[in-house]
Amino acid sequence: MFEVTKISDSTEAGIRKASFQTCNAVCSKQIDIELEGNTLRSVRYTGGCHGNLQGIGALIQGMQKEEVIARLDGINCKGRGTSCPDQLAKALKLL
């Protein structure tokens, strides 16, 4: 119901780049993720609360994928059943 949809997924020079379309329940429309092994290099959101989502990206940079999932999975925004951080956790579970 609140799943993300993988748009693209490629690896070049050891960097995995993946993009996901978020569900309609959140303000953001897309999440672009870069991973080096299991370490997050960058996360960029399209749409949503720009300052807050930039903050999330900055805070999780350098963290292990599993740690980010553990911290963000299940966060609910305004009773919607999901949130932009939760959508990121869902996307990371697919990588």
Protein backbone atom coordinates (compact mmCIF):
# COMPACT_ATOMS: atom_id res chain seq x y z
CA MET A 1 0.00 0.00 0.00
CA PHE A 2 2.76 2.47 0.92
CA GLU A 3 5.48 0.85 -1.15
CA VAL A 4 8.15 2.61 -3.18
CA THR A 5 8.76 1.80 -6.85
CA LYS A 6 12.29 1.32 -8.14
CA ILE A 7 12.89 3.54 -11.19
CA SER A 8 16.57 2.78 -11.79
CA ASP A 9 19.45 0.86 -10.22
CA SER A 10 23.03 0.82 -11.53
CA THR A 11 26.56 0.40 -10.24
CA GLU A 12 29.61 2.20 -11.60
CA ALA A 13 33.10 2.29 -10.08
CA GLY A 14 31.78 0.62 -6.91
CA ILE A 15 29.03 3.21 -6.36
CA ARG A 16 25.45 1.97 -6.52
CA LYS A 17 22.95 4.59 -7.66
CA ALA A 18 19.24 3.90 -7.33
CA SER A 19 16.13 6.02 -7.73
CA PHE A 20 12.69 5.32 -6.30
CA GLN A 21 9.26 6.81 -6.81
CA THR A 22 7.54 7.36 -3.47
CA CYS A 23 3.91 6.51 -2.77
CA ASN A 24 1.18 9.17 -3.10
CA ALA A 25 0.75 9.49 0.68
CA VAL A 26 3.91 11.58 1.12
CA CYS A 27 4.97 15.02 -0.11
CA SER A 28 8.19 13.92 -1.82
CA LYS A 29 7.97 12.35 -5.27
CA GLN A 30 11.34 10.64 -5.68
CA ILE A 31 14.37 9.50 -3.66
CA ASP A 32 17.84 9.19 -5.23
CA ILE A 33 20.30 7.08 -3.25
CA GLU A 34 24.04 6.47 -3.61
CA LEU A 35 25.64 3.59 -1.73
CA GLU A 36 29.25 2.44 -1.49
CA GLY A 37 28.95 -1.12 -0.23
CA ASN A 38 26.46 -0.75 2.64
CA THR A 39 27.45 2.85 3.41
CA LEU A 40 25.19 5.71 2.35
CA ARG A 41 27.09 8.30 0.32
CA SER A 42 24.11 10.53 -0.44
CA VAL A 43 20.33 10.73 -0.38
CA ARG A 44 18.40 13.34 -2.34
CA TYR A 45 14.64 13.84 -2.33
CA THR A 46 12.61 15.48 -5.08
CA GLY A 47 9.68 17.43 -3.65
CA GLY A 48 8.62 17.48 -0.02
CA CYS A 49 9.86 19.72 2.78
CA HIS A 50 13.18 20.73 1.25
CA GLY A 51 15.00 21.82 4.42
CA ASN A 52 13.90 18.83 6.48
CA LEU A 53 14.74 16.34 3.75
CA GLN A 54 18.16 17.93 3.16
CA GLY A 55 18.71 17.57 6.90
CA ILE A 56 17.84 13.87 6.82
CA GLY A 57 20.26 13.37 3.92
CA ALA A 58 23.05 15.15 5.78
CA LEU A 59 22.45 13.27 9.04
CA ILE A 60 22.50 9.80 7.49
CA GLN A 61 25.46 10.37 5.16
CA GLY A 62 28.16 7.85 6.05
CA MET A 63 25.79 5.60 8.02
CA GLN A 64 25.30 1.92 7.33
CA LYS A 65 22.15 1.03 5.40
CA GLU A 66 20.85 -1.26 8.17
CA GLU A 67 21.22 1.49 10.80
CA VAL A 68 19.24 3.95 8.67
CA ILE A 69 16.48 1.36 8.15
CA ALA A 70 16.34 0.67 11.90
CA ARG A 71 16.02 4.38 12.73
CA LEU A 72 13.56 5.47 10.02
CA ASP A 73 11.32 2.43 9.41
CA GLY A 74 7.75 3.04 10.53
CA ILE A 75 7.90 6.81 11.04
CA ASN A 76 4.38 8.12 10.45
CA CYS A 77 3.62 11.65 9.20
CA LYS A 78 0.28 13.16 10.23
CA GLY A 79 -1.47 9.79 10.48
CA ARG A 80 -0.76 8.91 6.84
CA GLY A 81 0.71 5.51 7.69
CA THR A 82 4.09 6.43 6.20
CA SER A 83 6.44 9.41 5.81
CA CYS A 84 9.33 10.56 3.66
CA PRO A 85 11.85 8.95 6.09
CA ASP A 86 9.80 5.73 6.13
CA GLN A 87 9.78 5.72 2.32
CA LEU A 88 13.60 5.92 2.42
CA ALA A 89 13.70 2.91 4.76
CA LYS A 90 11.43 1.00 2.37
CA ALA A 91 13.70 1.89 -0.56
CA LEU A 92 16.84 0.82 1.31
CA LYS A 93 15.25 -2.55 2.10
CA LEU A 94 15.07 -3.16 -1.66
CA LEU A 95 18.82 -2.56 -2.12
